[in-house]
Amino acid sequence: MQKTYATLARIVSGVPSTVDPESALLEANMPPLHVLCLRARLSIFENTRACQVDWMRRPPPEPPPRAGFRISPLSRDELYAFVDAYTKDYGITQSSPREERFFRSSIPPWFAASAHRVTIGVELPIDHSITDEEELTREKRRVSEEALALHSHRSWILATDGGVDVPKSAGVGILLSSLNSSEIIEKASINCGARPCSYRTESRALLLALEKLIIPRIQHRRKTLLVVTDSQSLLAALNKGPLSQTDWTEDQIWQRLLTLTCAGWSVHLQFCYGHCGAYANELADQYAAQTMATGQ
């Protein structure tokens, strides 16, 4: 079952069959199978409990169709003890950074009122009838540059990228004066560990860039920002909204975005295809490669 679920995650995310299950799940934005099963069990328990107040004291009045079978009553304490023991076997605790039993967003609902000032461009359609590799690269560059050109008027251009070359990895962000400028105003980088996946480096890169490069400029009179990234899976996760995040990093990214919008900023996050020549993304990719090579 675990292998089938991992295969499904690879199909959904479009990663090669050699990618490890954990990375495939992160790329596909899917929870681990045991977490999915626990959530389903909790949901069944809560629904049954809500339908009959004294369910814990006696079995349901009507047995299921199969002869001789009755659902035994189960108390909330017994269920939670089972969940705690099961998750402990997998090394998961309430303080685990990635998989808490019940993830609680750090964003209160009233703080999300300005979320409409954040727009996200996730889809970038291309002509799938193209089979020639060079022509396909040109098509990807064309649609990427057209999408970015619509937001070239914005005051700040932030390009982020994550690089993985096991055992090295890096997440980087660069702040540009314009889309086609080689002038880098400021840059930041972070070491993402020896065994990261692409999704994790991309999300850490965006969080770092917002924290180090944009938040310090929050009081600047120019308040329009374009964020360029080649991680479609990250933008798809963020596109669910600030109150629907299930991962700490994405939750913190939304917290920074809302801090900006509450100060009057307008932010657009745009996906562009990687390694196709889109200038801002290529600069970030080069900086990521340089950071991994030098370790700085």
C-alpha atoms as a PDB file:
ATOM      1  CA  MET A   1       0.000   0.000   0.000  1.00  0.00           C
ATOM      2  CA  GLN A   2       2.861   2.370   0.861  1.00  0.00           C
ATOM      3  CA  LYS A   3       4.540   1.644  -2.489  1.00  0.00           C
ATOM      4  CA  THR A   4       1.296   2.255  -4.397  1.00  0.00           C
ATOM      5  CA  TYR A   5       0.733   5.538  -2.565  1.00  0.00           C
ATOM      6  CA  ALA A   6       4.315   6.657  -3.298  1.00  0.00           C
ATOM      7  CA  THR A   7       3.849   5.747  -6.980  1.00  0.00           C
ATOM      8  CA  LEU A   8       0.650   7.822  -7.059  1.00  0.00           C
ATOM      9  CA  ALA A   9       2.549  10.788  -5.564  1.00  0.00           C
ATOM     10  CA  ARG A  10       5.230  10.492  -8.274  1.00  0.00           C
ATOM     11  CA  ILE A  11       2.557  10.434 -10.988  1.00  0.00           C
ATOM     12  CA  VAL A  12       0.738  13.458  -9.529  1.00  0.00           C
ATOM     13  CA  SER A  13       3.923  15.518  -9.129  1.00  0.00           C
ATOM     14  CA  GLY A  14       5.526  14.345 -12.377  1.00  0.00           C
ATOM     15  CA  VAL A  15       8.860  13.431 -10.763  1.00  0.00           C
ATOM     16  CA  PRO A  16      10.997  10.454 -11.910  1.00  0.00           C
ATOM     17  CA  SER A  17      10.364   6.985 -10.491  1.00  0.00           C
ATOM     18  CA  THR A  18      13.760   7.103  -8.736  1.00  0.00           C
ATOM     19  CA  VAL A  19      12.703   9.958  -6.426  1.00  0.00           C
ATOM     20  CA  ASP A  20      12.327   8.851  -2.804  1.00  0.00           C
ATOM     21  CA  PRO A  21       8.762   8.626  -1.379  1.00  0.00           C
ATOM     22  CA  GLU A  22       9.143  11.547   1.065  1.00  0.00           C
ATOM     23  CA  SER A  23      10.252  13.966  -1.652  1.00  0.00           C
ATOM     24  CA  ALA A  24       7.490  12.757  -3.988  1.00  0.00           C
ATOM     25  CA  LEU A  25       4.859  13.394  -1.289  1.00  0.00           C
ATOM     26  CA  LEU A  26       6.187  16.917  -0.704  1.00  0.00           C
ATOM     27  CA  GLU A  27       6.234  17.678  -4.435  1.00  0.00           C
ATOM     28  CA  ALA A  28       2.645  16.392  -4.805  1.00  0.00           C
ATOM     29  CA  ASN A  29       1.525  18.205  -1.636  1.00  0.00           C
ATOM     30  CA  MET A  30       0.122  14.920  -0.267  1.00  0.00           C
ATOM     31  CA  PRO A  31       0.199  13.830   3.402  1.00  0.00           C
ATOM     32  CA  PRO A  32       1.897  10.525   4.338  1.00  0.00           C
ATOM     33  CA  LEU A  33      -0.374   7.481   4.134  1.00  0.00           C
ATOM     34  CA  HIS A  34      -0.428   6.820   7.884  1.00  0.00           C
ATOM     35  CA  VAL A  35      -1.418  10.447   8.575  1.00  0.00           C
ATOM     36  CA  LEU A  36      -4.195  10.139   5.981  1.00  0.00           C
ATOM     37  CA  CYS A  37      -5.484   6.971   7.682  1.00  0.00           C
ATOM     38  CA  LEU A  38      -5.394   8.570  11.122  1.00  0.00           C
ATOM     39  CA  ARG A  39      -7.313  11.595   9.878  1.00  0.00           C
ATOM     40  CA  ALA A  40      -9.944   9.326   8.332  1.00  0.00           C
ATOM     41  CA  ARG A  41     -10.273   7.344  11.557  1.00  0.00           C
ATOM     42  CA  LEU A  42     -10.627  10.537  13.580  1.00  0.00           C
ATOM     43  CA  SER A  43     -13.245  11.843  11.155  1.00  0.00           C
ATOM     44  CA  ILE A  44     -15.275   8.615  11.382  1.00  0.00           C
ATOM     45  CA  PHE A  45     -15.033   8.682  15.172  1.00  0.00           C
ATOM     46  CA  GLU A  46     -16.114  12.327  15.448  1.00  0.00           C
ATOM     47  CA  ASN A  47     -19.016  11.885  13.010  1.00  0.00           C
ATOM     48  CA  THR A  48     -20.309   8.819  14.846  1.00  0.00           C
ATOM     49  CA  ARG A  49     -19.835  10.521  18.197  1.00  0.00           C
ATOM     50  CA  ALA A  50     -21.773  13.588  17.034  1.00  0.00           C
ATOM     51  CA  CYS A  51     -24.716  11.506  15.788  1.00  0.00           C
ATOM     52  CA  GLN A  52     -25.422   9.882  19.156  1.00  0.00           C
ATOM     53  CA  VAL A  53     -24.586  11.573  22.452  1.00  0.00           C
ATOM     54  CA  ASP A  54     -24.337   8.422  24.569  1.00  0.00           C
ATOM     55  CA  TRP A  55     -22.432   6.392  21.970  1.00  0.00           C
ATOM     56  CA  MET A  56     -19.533   5.841  24.370  1.00  0.00           C
ATOM     57  CA  ARG A  57     -21.803   4.160  26.921  1.00  0.00           C
ATOM     58  CA  ARG A  58     -23.472   1.602  24.668  1.00  0.00           C
ATOM     59  CA  PRO A  59     -23.086   0.125  21.175  1.00  0.00           C
ATOM     60  CA  PRO A  60     -25.187   1.378  18.246  1.00  0.00           C
ATOM     61  CA  PRO A  61     -28.766   0.012  18.489  1.00  0.00           C
ATOM     62  CA  GLU A  62     -28.766  -1.659  15.058  1.00  0.00           C
ATOM     63  CA  PRO A  63     -25.943  -3.979  14.019  1.00  0.00           C
ATOM     64  CA  PRO A  64     -24.468  -3.816  10.502  1.00  0.00           C
ATOM     65  CA  PRO A  65     -25.816  -6.317   7.931  1.00  0.00           C
ATOM     66  CA  ARG A  66     -23.139  -8.964   8.572  1.00  0.00           C
ATOM     67  CA  ALA A  67     -24.473 -11.389  11.185  1.00  0.00           C
ATOM     68  CA  GLY A  68     -22.826 -11.433  14.577  1.00  0.00           C
ATOM     69  CA  PHE A  69     -20.891  -8.167  14.082  1.00  0.00           C
ATOM     70  CA  ARG A  70     -21.309  -5.109  16.293  1.00  0.00           C
ATOM     71  CA  ILE A  71     -19.203  -1.977  16.574  1.00  0.00           C
ATOM     72  CA  SER A  72     -17.720  -1.843  20.065  1.00  0.00           C
ATOM     73  CA  PRO A  73     -17.858   1.519  21.842  1.00  0.00           C
ATOM     74  CA  LEU A  74     -14.609   3.459  21.986  1.00  0.00           C
ATOM     75  CA  SER A  75     -13.928   6.379  24.286  1.00  0.00           C
ATOM     76  CA  ARG A  76     -12.144   9.525  23.165  1.00  0.00           C
ATOM     77  CA  ASP A  77      -9.303   8.800  25.611  1.00  0.00           C
ATOM     78  CA  GLU A  78      -8.810   5.328  24.150  1.00  0.00           C
ATOM     79  CA  LEU A  79      -8.773   6.686  20.606  1.00  0.00           C
ATOM     80  CA  TYR A  80      -6.261   9.429  21.367  1.00  0.00           C
ATOM     81  CA  ALA A  81      -4.065   6.942  23.242  1.00  0.00           C
ATOM     82  CA  PHE A  82      -4.100   4.768  20.108  1.00  0.00           C
ATOM     83  CA  VAL A  83      -3.222   7.747  17.896  1.00  0.00           C
ATOM     84  CA  ASP A  84      -0.389   8.834  20.191  1.00  0.00           C
ATOM     85  CA  ALA A  85       1.087   5.328  20.306  1.00  0.00           C
ATOM     86  CA  TYR A  86       0.792   4.915  16.526  1.00  0.00           C
ATOM     87  CA  THR A  87       2.430   8.257  15.707  1.00  0.00           C
ATOM     88  CA  LYS A  88       5.165   7.637  18.290  1.00  0.00           C
ATOM     89  CA  ASP A  89       6.127   4.488  16.379  1.00  0.00           C
ATOM     90  CA  TYR A  90       6.781   6.734  13.364  1.00  0.00           C
ATOM     91  CA  GLY A  91       8.782   9.235  15.427  1.00  0.00           C
ATOM     92  CA  ILE A  92       6.090  11.912  15.165  1.00  0.00           C
ATOM     93  CA  THR A  93       5.354  14.127  18.148  1.00  0.00           C
ATOM     94  CA  GLN A  94       3.366  17.334  18.598  1.00  0.00           C
ATOM     95  CA  SER A  95       6.629  19.279  18.363  1.00  0.00           C
ATOM     96  CA  SER A  96       7.628  17.731  15.029  1.00  0.00           C
ATOM     97  CA  PRO A  97       8.368  20.592  12.609  1.00  0.00           C
ATOM     98  CA  ARG A  98       6.741  19.052   9.523  1.00  0.00           C
ATOM     99  CA  GLU A  99       3.964  16.730  10.649  1.00  0.00           C
ATOM    100  CA  GLU A 100       2.059  17.802  13.720  1.00  0.00           C
ATOM    101  CA  ARG A 101      -0.986  15.707  14.591  1.00  0.00           C
ATOM    102  CA  PHE A 102      -3.197  18.780  14.358  1.00  0.00           C
ATOM    103  CA  PHE A 103      -1.499  21.621  12.505  1.00  0.00           C
ATOM    104  CA  ARG A 104      -2.718  24.982  13.727  1.00  0.00           C
ATOM    105  CA  SER A 105      -2.130  28.012  11.543  1.00  0.00           C
ATOM    106  CA  SER A 106      -0.363  30.966  13.117  1.00  0.00           C
ATOM    107  CA  ILE A 107      -2.592  33.307  11.093  1.00  0.00           C
ATOM    108  CA  PRO A 108      -5.835  34.469  12.744  1.00  0.00           C
ATOM    109  CA  PRO A 109      -8.785  34.772  10.304  1.00  0.00           C
ATOM    110  CA  TRP A 110      -9.075  38.550  10.698  1.00  0.00           C
ATOM    111  CA  PHE A 111      -5.399  38.935   9.713  1.00  0.00           C
ATOM    112  CA  ALA A 112      -6.169  37.316   6.336  1.00  0.00           C
ATOM    113  CA  ALA A 113      -8.536  40.109   5.257  1.00  0.00           C
ATOM    114  CA  SER A 114      -5.860  41.621   3.004  1.00  0.00           C
ATOM    115  CA  ALA A 115      -5.044  38.316   1.263  1.00  0.00           C
ATOM    116  CA  HIS A 116      -6.755  39.588  -1.912  1.00  0.00           C
ATOM    117  CA  ARG A 117      -3.735  41.856  -2.431  1.00  0.00           C
ATOM    118  CA  VAL A 118      -1.647  38.723  -3.044  1.00  0.00           C
ATOM    119  CA  THR A 119      -2.158  37.174  -6.490  1.00  0.00           C
ATOM    120  CA  ILE A 120      -0.568  33.932  -7.678  1.00  0.00           C
ATOM    121  CA  GLY A 121       0.076  32.806 -11.247  1.00  0.00           C
ATOM    122  CA  VAL A 122       0.308  29.016 -11.059  1.00  0.00           C
ATOM    123  CA  GLU A 123      -0.622  27.823 -14.555  1.00  0.00           C
ATOM    124  CA  LEU A 124       1.410  28.654 -17.649  1.00  0.00           C
ATOM    125  CA  PRO A 125      -0.106  26.770 -20.640  1.00  0.00           C
ATOM    126  CA  ILE A 126       2.167  25.755 -23.501  1.00  0.00           C
ATOM    127  CA  ASP A 127       1.612  24.051 -26.843  1.00  0.00           C
ATOM    128  CA  HIS A 128       1.880  20.348 -25.949  1.00  0.00           C
ATOM    129  CA  SER A 129       1.972  19.336 -29.603  1.00  0.00           C
ATOM    130  CA  ILE A 130       5.611  20.485 -29.774  1.00  0.00           C
ATOM    131  CA  THR A 131       7.987  17.511 -29.683  1.00  0.00           C
ATOM    132  CA  ASP A 132      11.329  19.087 -30.633  1.00  0.00           C
ATOM    133  CA  GLU A 133      13.325  19.787 -27.452  1.00  0.00           C
ATOM    134  CA  GLU A 134      14.830  23.097 -28.596  1.00  0.00           C
ATOM    135  CA  GLU A 135      11.506  24.375 -29.890  1.00  0.00           C
ATOM    136  CA  LEU A 136       9.837  23.344 -26.615  1.00  0.00           C
ATOM    137  CA  THR A 137      12.464  25.307 -24.647  1.00  0.00           C
ATOM    138  CA  ARG A 138      11.787  28.377 -26.813  1.00  0.00           C
ATOM    139  CA  GLU A 139       8.037  27.974 -26.237  1.00  0.00           C
ATOM    140  CA  LYS A 140       8.560  27.758 -22.470  1.00  0.00           C
ATOM    141  CA  ARG A 141      10.723  30.872 -22.550  1.00  0.00           C
ATOM    142  CA  ARG A 142       8.153  32.748 -24.640  1.00  0.00           C
ATOM    143  CA  VAL A 143       5.190  32.040 -22.348  1.00  0.00           C
ATOM    144  CA  SER A 144       7.317  32.686 -19.246  1.00  0.00           C
ATOM    145  CA  GLU A 145       8.521  36.071 -20.492  1.00  0.00           C
ATOM    146  CA  GLU A 146       5.001  37.048 -21.593  1.00  0.00           C
ATOM    147  CA  ALA A 147       3.609  36.227 -18.137  1.00  0.00           C
ATOM    148  CA  LEU A 148       6.400  38.146 -16.395  1.00  0.00           C
ATOM    149  CA  ALA A 149       6.091  41.139 -18.744  1.00  0.00           C
ATOM    150  CA  LEU A 150       2.533  41.738 -17.505  1.00  0.00           C
ATOM    151  CA  HIS A 151       4.022  42.602 -14.099  1.00  0.00           C
ATOM    152  CA  SER A 152       7.262  44.288 -15.191  1.00  0.00           C
ATOM    153  CA  HIS A 153       5.925  47.637 -13.918  1.00  0.00           C
ATOM    154  CA  ARG A 154       6.260  46.500 -10.300  1.00  0.00           C
ATOM    155  CA  SER A 155       8.836  48.307  -8.180  1.00  0.00           C
ATOM    156  CA  TRP A 156      10.636  45.271  -6.787  1.00  0.00           C
ATOM    157  CA  ILE A 157      11.572  42.033  -8.567  1.00  0.00           C
ATOM    158  CA  LEU A 158      12.391  39.086  -6.291  1.00  0.00           C
ATOM    159  CA  ALA A 159      13.693  35.873  -7.889  1.00  0.00           C
ATOM    160  CA  THR A 160      14.046  32.726  -5.769  1.00  0.00           C
ATOM    161  CA  ASP A 161      15.422  29.284  -6.547  1.00  0.00           C
ATOM    162  CA  GLY A 162      16.436  26.098  -4.773  1.00  0.00           C
ATOM    163  CA  GLY A 163      19.320  23.910  -5.828  1.00  0.00           C
ATOM    164  CA  VAL A 164      19.969  20.263  -4.940  1.00  0.00           C
ATOM    165  CA  ASP A 165      23.167  18.384  -5.746  1.00  0.00           C
ATOM    166  CA  VAL A 166      23.390  15.666  -3.071  1.00  0.00           C
ATOM    167  CA  PRO A 167      24.888  16.053  -0.522  1.00  0.00           C
ATOM    168  CA  LYS A 168      24.814  19.823  -1.114  1.00  0.00           C
ATOM    169  CA  SER A 169      21.762  22.057  -1.319  1.00  0.00           C
ATOM    170  CA  ALA A 170      20.898  25.737  -1.175  1.00  0.00           C
ATOM    171  CA  GLY A 171      17.943  28.083  -1.247  1.00  0.00           C
ATOM    172  CA  VAL A 172      18.620  31.558  -2.632  1.00  0.00           C
ATOM    173  CA  GLY A 173      16.831  34.829  -3.264  1.00  0.00           C
ATOM    174  CA  ILE A 174      17.982  37.846  -5.284  1.00  0.00           C
ATOM    175  CA  LEU A 175      16.427  41.312  -5.413  1.00  0.00           C
ATOM    176  CA  LEU A 176      16.592  42.976  -8.845  1.00  0.00           C
ATOM    177  CA  SER A 177      15.938  46.523 -10.020  1.00  0.00           C
ATOM    178  CA  SER A 178      14.037  45.251 -13.090  1.00  0.00           C
ATOM    179  CA  LEU A 179      13.194  42.017 -14.919  1.00  0.00           C
ATOM    180  CA  ASN A 180      15.993  42.293 -17.491  1.00  0.00           C
ATOM    181  CA  SER A 181      18.586  43.997 -15.320  1.00  0.00           C
ATOM    182  CA  SER A 182      21.807  42.303 -14.249  1.00  0.00           C
ATOM    183  CA  GLU A 183      22.058  44.702 -11.301  1.00  0.00           C
ATOM    184  CA  ILE A 184      21.465  42.719  -8.107  1.00  0.00           C
ATOM    185  CA  ILE A 185      20.382  45.031  -5.280  1.00  0.00           C
ATOM    186  CA  GLU A 186      20.814  42.395  -2.576  1.00  0.00           C
ATOM    187  CA  LYS A 187      20.931  38.626  -2.251  1.00  0.00           C
ATOM    188  CA  ALA A 188      20.492  35.977   0.447  1.00  0.00           C
ATOM    189  CA  SER A 189      21.149  32.239   0.695  1.00  0.00           C
ATOM    190  CA  ILE A 190      20.607  29.350   3.101  1.00  0.00           C
ATOM    191  CA  ASN A 191      22.018  25.825   3.416  1.00  0.00           C
ATOM    192  CA  CYS A 192      19.067  23.399   3.321  1.00  0.00           C
ATOM    193  CA  GLY A 193      20.909  20.342   4.635  1.00  0.00           C
ATOM    194  CA  ALA A 194      22.453  17.193   3.195  1.00  0.00           C
ATOM    195  CA  ARG A 195      19.248  15.357   2.236  1.00  0.00           C
ATOM    196  CA  PRO A 196      16.654  17.878   1.078  1.00  0.00           C
ATOM    197  CA  CYS A 197      14.230  17.672  -1.824  1.00  0.00           C
ATOM    198  CA  SER A 198      13.606  20.316  -4.459  1.00  0.00           C
ATOM    199  CA  TYR A 199      10.295  21.392  -2.910  1.00  0.00           C
ATOM    200  CA  ARG A 200      11.864  21.987   0.504  1.00  0.00           C
ATOM    201  CA  THR A 201      14.718  24.120  -0.881  1.00  0.00           C
ATOM    202  CA  GLU A 202      12.284  26.201  -2.969  1.00  0.00           C
ATOM    203  CA  SER A 203       9.987  26.892  -0.012  1.00  0.00           C
ATOM    204  CA  ARG A 204      12.908  27.747   2.279  1.00  0.00           C
ATOM    205  CA  ALA A 205      14.317  30.054  -0.410  1.00  0.00           C
ATOM    206  CA  LEU A 206      11.054  32.015  -0.689  1.00  0.00           C
ATOM    207  CA  LEU A 207      10.668  32.341   3.080  1.00  0.00           C
ATOM    208  CA  LEU A 208      14.274  33.506   3.446  1.00  0.00           C
ATOM    209  CA  ALA A 209      13.965  36.036   0.606  1.00  0.00           C
ATOM    210  CA  LEU A 210      10.801  37.597   2.017  1.00  0.00           C
ATOM    211  CA  GLU A 211      12.296  37.723   5.527  1.00  0.00           C
ATOM    212  CA  LYS A 212      15.741  39.100   4.631  1.00  0.00           C
ATOM    213  CA  LEU A 213      15.193  41.115   1.449  1.00  0.00           C
ATOM    214  CA  ILE A 214      11.631  42.475   1.502  1.00  0.00           C
ATOM    215  CA  ILE A 215      10.391  42.792   5.106  1.00  0.00           C
ATOM    216  CA  PRO A 216      13.244  45.242   5.982  1.00  0.00           C
ATOM    217  CA  ARG A 217      11.933  47.461   3.145  1.00  0.00           C
ATOM    218  CA  ILE A 218       8.309  47.326   4.308  1.00  0.00           C
ATOM    219  CA  GLN A 219       8.148  51.082   4.989  1.00  0.00           C
ATOM    220  CA  HIS A 220       9.526  52.000   1.549  1.00  0.00           C
ATOM    221  CA  ARG A 221       7.299  54.290  -0.514  1.00  0.00           C
ATOM    222  CA  ARG A 222       7.344  51.832  -3.451  1.00  0.00           C
ATOM    223  CA  LYS A 223       5.079  48.949  -2.454  1.00  0.00           C
ATOM    224  CA  THR A 224       4.609  46.657  -5.469  1.00  0.00           C
ATOM    225  CA  LEU A 225       6.438  43.316  -5.624  1.00  0.00           C
ATOM    226  CA  LEU A 226       6.834  40.575  -8.239  1.00  0.00           C
ATOM    227  CA  VAL A 227       8.143  37.200  -7.032  1.00  0.00           C
ATOM    228  CA  VAL A 228       9.540  34.875  -9.723  1.00  0.00           C
ATOM    229  CA  THR A 229       9.943  31.136  -9.047  1.00  0.00           C
ATOM    230  CA  ASP A 230      10.100  27.934 -11.095  1.00  0.00           C
ATOM    231  CA  SER A 231       8.425  25.842  -8.351  1.00  0.00           C
ATOM    232  CA  GLN A 232       4.882  25.241  -9.556  1.00  0.00           C
ATOM    233  CA  SER A 233       4.147  22.843  -6.687  1.00  0.00           C
ATOM    234  CA  LEU A 234       5.022  25.514  -4.092  1.00  0.00           C
ATOM    235  CA  LEU A 235       2.763  28.107  -5.718  1.00  0.00           C
ATOM    236  CA  ALA A 236      -0.045  25.528  -5.968  1.00  0.00           C
ATOM    237  CA  ALA A 237       0.255  24.934  -2.212  1.00  0.00           C
ATOM    238  CA  LEU A 238       0.276  28.674  -1.438  1.00  0.00           C
ATOM    239  CA  ASN A 239      -2.678  29.198  -3.776  1.00  0.00           C
ATOM    240  CA  LYS A 240      -4.912  27.319  -1.308  1.00  0.00           C
ATOM    241  CA  GLY A 241      -4.900  30.475   0.809  1.00  0.00           C
ATOM    242  CA  PRO A 242      -3.447  31.597   4.145  1.00  0.00           C
ATOM    243  CA  LEU A 243      -5.921  29.695   6.326  1.00  0.00           C
ATOM    244  CA  SER A 244      -5.620  26.338   4.508  1.00  0.00           C
ATOM    245  CA  GLN A 245      -1.902  25.636   4.882  1.00  0.00           C
ATOM    246  CA  THR A 246      -0.806  22.345   6.455  1.00  0.00           C
ATOM    247  CA  ASP A 247       2.953  22.933   6.563  1.00  0.00           C
ATOM    248  CA  TRP A 248       4.932  25.278   8.813  1.00  0.00           C
ATOM    249  CA  THR A 249       7.047  26.816   6.038  1.00  0.00           C
ATOM    250  CA  GLU A 250       4.095  27.725   3.802  1.00  0.00           C
ATOM    251  CA  ASP A 251       2.259  29.097   6.838  1.00  0.00           C
ATOM    252  CA  GLN A 252       5.236  31.349   7.613  1.00  0.00           C
ATOM    253  CA  ILE A 253       5.449  32.469   3.968  1.00  0.00           C
ATOM    254  CA  TRP A 254       1.798  33.555   4.086  1.00  0.00           C
ATOM    255  CA  GLN A 255       2.433  35.333   7.381  1.00  0.00           C
ATOM    256  CA  ARG A 256       5.164  37.429   5.711  1.00  0.00           C
ATOM    257  CA  LEU A 257       2.968  38.114   2.675  1.00  0.00           C
ATOM    258  CA  LEU A 258       0.095  39.314   4.864  1.00  0.00           C
ATOM    259  CA  THR A 259       2.473  41.494   6.875  1.00  0.00           C
ATOM    260  CA  LEU A 260       3.360  43.204   3.591  1.00  0.00           C
ATOM    261  CA  THR A 261      -0.243  43.594   2.394  1.00  0.00           C
ATOM    262  CA  CYS A 262      -1.333  45.025   5.756  1.00  0.00           C
ATOM    263  CA  ALA A 263       1.321  47.699   5.195  1.00  0.00           C
ATOM    264  CA  GLY A 264      -0.188  48.546   1.800  1.00  0.00           C
ATOM    265  CA  TRP A 265       1.876  46.301  -0.468  1.00  0.00           C
ATOM    266  CA  SER A 266       0.607  44.523  -3.568  1.00  0.00           C
ATOM    267  CA  VAL A 267       2.335  41.194  -4.285  1.00  0.00           C
ATOM    268  CA  HIS A 268       2.199  38.878  -7.302  1.00  0.00           C
ATOM    269  CA  LEU A 269       3.889  35.460  -7.281  1.00  0.00           C
ATOM    270  CA  GLN A 270       4.501  34.156 -10.804  1.00  0.00           C
ATOM    271  CA  PHE A 271       5.553  30.697 -11.942  1.00  0.00           C
ATOM    272  CA  CYS A 272       7.977  30.524 -14.851  1.00  0.00           C
ATOM    273  CA  TYR A 273       9.595  27.504 -16.473  1.00  0.00           C
ATOM    274  CA  GLY A 274      13.121  26.765 -15.278  1.00  0.00           C
ATOM    275  CA  HIS A 275      16.217  26.359 -17.475  1.00  0.00           C
ATOM    276  CA  CYS A 276      14.544  27.971 -20.481  1.00  0.00           C
ATOM    277  CA  GLY A 277      16.348  31.333 -20.468  1.00  0.00           C
ATOM    278  CA  ALA A 278      13.888  33.476 -18.491  1.00  0.00           C
ATOM    279  CA  TYR A 279      16.391  36.063 -17.253  1.00  0.00           C
ATOM    280  CA  ALA A 280      15.406  36.620 -13.606  1.00  0.00           C
ATOM    281  CA  ASN A 281      15.089  32.886 -12.976  1.00  0.00           C
ATOM    282  CA  GLU A 282      18.408  32.157 -14.691  1.00  0.00           C
ATOM    283  CA  LEU A 283      20.201  34.641 -12.412  1.00  0.00           C
ATOM    284  CA  ALA A 284      18.727  32.957  -9.325  1.00  0.00           C
ATOM    285  CA  ASP A 285      19.660  29.520 -10.691  1.00  0.00           C
ATOM    286  CA  GLN A 286      23.264  30.632 -11.292  1.00  0.00           C
ATOM    287  CA  TYR A 287      23.491  32.050  -7.769  1.00  0.00           C
ATOM    288  CA  ALA A 288      22.129  28.785  -6.320  1.00  0.00           C
ATOM    289  CA  ALA A 289      24.755  26.778  -8.239  1.00  0.00           C
ATOM    290  CA  GLN A 290      27.484  29.171  -7.073  1.00  0.00           C
ATOM    291  CA  THR A 291      26.293  28.929  -3.462  1.00  0.00           C
ATOM    292  CA  MET A 292      26.396  25.121  -3.529  1.00  0.00           C
ATOM    293  CA  ALA A 293      29.861  25.157  -5.113  1.00  0.00           C
ATOM    294  CA  THR A 294      31.386  27.577  -2.594  1.00  0.00           C
ATOM    295  CA  GLY A 295      29.278  26.619   0.421  1.00  0.00           C
ATOM    296  CA  GLN A 296      28.530  30.299   1.107  1.00  0.00           C
END
